[in-house]
Amino acid sequence: MTGRPVLWTKTARTDLNHIVDFIADNDAATALVVARRIEARSETLRHHPERGVLDARRDLSSLLFERLVR
């Protein structure tokens, strides 16, 4: 079973790009790690959609992230 596809809104993708660009200004390697962690965590919704916070009005799930870099 492949699960439901994880679709990013345009706003979410833009936000991720801004976050990564901001981090990359100081540390490109860390920016890449953060981007990969966010994308990998998001993909878990494919098989475990209950992990997200459902916004039924827009049929979207959101994920909350702990601090990704220390």
Protein backbone atom coordinates (compact mmCIF):
# COMPACT_ATOMS: atom_id res chain seq x y z
CA MET A 1 0.00 0.00 0.00
CA THR A 2 1.44 3.34 -1.05
CA GLY A 3 -0.79 5.63 1.02
CA ARG A 4 -2.16 9.03 0.08
CA PRO A 5 0.19 11.41 -1.67
CA VAL A 6 1.52 14.29 0.39
CA LEU A 7 0.73 17.53 -1.39
CA TRP A 8 2.35 20.80 -0.42
CA THR A 9 0.45 24.05 -0.77
CA LYS A 10 2.24 26.79 -2.66
CA THR A 11 2.47 28.77 0.59
CA ALA A 12 4.02 25.84 2.47
CA ARG A 13 6.62 25.26 -0.26
CA THR A 14 7.45 28.97 -0.35
CA ASP A 15 7.77 29.07 3.44
CA LEU A 16 10.13 26.08 3.37
CA ASN A 17 12.27 27.77 0.73
CA HIS A 18 12.46 30.96 2.81
CA ILE A 19 13.44 29.00 5.93
CA VAL A 20 16.15 27.12 4.05
CA ASP A 21 17.46 30.31 2.40
CA PHE A 22 17.60 32.06 5.78
CA ILE A 23 19.59 29.23 7.36
CA ALA A 24 21.82 28.89 4.30
CA ASP A 25 22.96 32.49 4.73
CA ASN A 26 24.94 31.24 7.74
CA ASP A 27 25.39 27.52 7.09
CA ALA A 28 24.49 25.82 3.80
CA ALA A 29 25.05 22.32 5.16
CA THR A 30 22.67 22.87 8.05
CA ALA A 31 20.08 24.35 5.68
CA LEU A 32 20.18 21.16 3.64
CA VAL A 33 19.79 19.01 6.76
CA VAL A 34 16.79 21.04 7.90
CA ALA A 35 15.14 20.85 4.47
CA ARG A 36 15.62 17.09 4.31
CA ARG A 37 14.26 16.57 7.83
CA ILE A 38 11.17 18.64 7.12
CA GLU A 39 10.51 16.87 3.84
CA ALA A 40 11.10 13.42 5.37
CA ARG A 41 8.82 14.17 8.32
CA SER A 42 6.15 15.46 5.95
CA GLU A 43 6.28 12.25 3.94
CA THR A 44 5.28 10.30 7.06
CA LEU A 45 1.78 11.68 6.50
CA ARG A 46 1.54 9.37 3.48
CA HIS A 47 1.13 6.33 5.72
CA HIS A 48 0.13 8.03 8.98
CA PRO A 49 -2.19 10.93 8.12
CA GLU A 50 -3.48 11.00 11.68
CA ARG A 51 -0.11 12.45 12.75
CA GLY A 52 -1.06 15.80 11.33
CA VAL A 53 -3.41 18.41 12.69
CA LEU A 54 -6.44 18.27 10.40
CA ASP A 55 -7.97 21.44 9.00
CA ALA A 56 -11.24 19.96 7.74
CA ARG A 57 -12.32 23.24 6.14
CA ARG A 58 -9.45 22.98 3.66
CA ASP A 59 -8.87 19.19 3.75
CA LEU A 60 -5.29 19.79 4.88
CA SER A 61 -3.08 18.35 7.58
CA SER A 62 -0.36 20.33 9.29
CA LEU A 63 2.67 19.05 11.15
CA LEU A 64 4.37 20.68 14.07
CA PHE A 65 8.13 20.35 14.34
CA GLU A 66 10.40 20.32 17.32
CA ARG A 67 13.64 22.23 17.14
CA LEU A 68 15.51 20.72 14.18
CA VAL A 69 18.95 22.16 14.86
CA ARG A 70 20.77 22.58 18.13
